């Protein structure tokens, strides 16, 4: 491997470890070496630091320096889309498609379709997504990628008032699950199940909507789509409900991988943002997002009110956000 390759690997390791500042320093060093990957690293570091405008500026310099690098164009499209600059994002995806290898076009087309969907151009998004699902390179992108594409197709059907088509799309995926050798992702399947829940809700099948949403949050409780689907399935609003930030403790159900397999399971602390009538109802809503094995051990240790604008509409009851787990053994000091 070249020195530049080593530096790129080091930068990505810093990004994976949640250290974008160190990755940014490496990116600037790579830029001084006239290496095009420098722009990718710097942009991802800035994005991780919530400086998406700066990420876009770096990538715009990058595509001017290396206009034939499709990865830079695609990343530029992604960040422009995140900023709501959809026409500019679509231009970037078109440029990426013009220089990407055939086997990578499926990724560019998916992100292109997603930007069109976010822009509200559902017909064009569907046409672009058809190219993804019909691509001979789709399978090699992996099961999770396929599930993301299925979730987007279902979203487009739901957005256009065609819930039965969304349900049929899910059933086709489910029918062929046994034919696949690779495992899917809980993250992507949570979004698929969230769209299935919304389709059942549109169809008037509230019980199925709730069941699918509950399955979605069990797959991946950090999915915004799954949490939204669960709130929508219940469709519960109240003028007296409060917005609360809760710190919750519980007992995990198995030892961690790097600990004694015969030792006690750790305890954990996590956080939730919930709209509910009171702390007891909030805990019941929280329990639905946790594994069944830990629900009886859940306890609220702190509750803080969260202010929201009086002019805002009455929010749905339910979970709005959940934090990471912090595991510890009884007796350990925790912050």
Foldseek 3Di string as FASTA:
>chain_A
DDPLVVLLVVLVVCVVVLNLVVSLVSLVVVVVVVHLCSLVSNLSSCVSVVNLVVNLVSLVVSCVSPVLALVSLQVNLQSCLVVVVLVSSLVSLVSSCVRPPLLCNLVSLQSNLVSCVSVVVLVVSVVSLVCNVPRPNNVVVDQQSVLLSLLSVLVSCLVVLNLVVNLVSVVVVVVCPVVDDDDYALQSVLSSLLSNLSSCVSVVNLVSSQVSLLVSLQSPVQDQSSQVSNLVSVVDFDPQWFWKKWKKKWFDDFDDPPDDRPDGGWIKIKIWTWTGNDPVVQLVQVLSNDPPVISVGMDTDDMDTDDDDPPDPTDGGHTRGMGDIDTDHPPDDDD
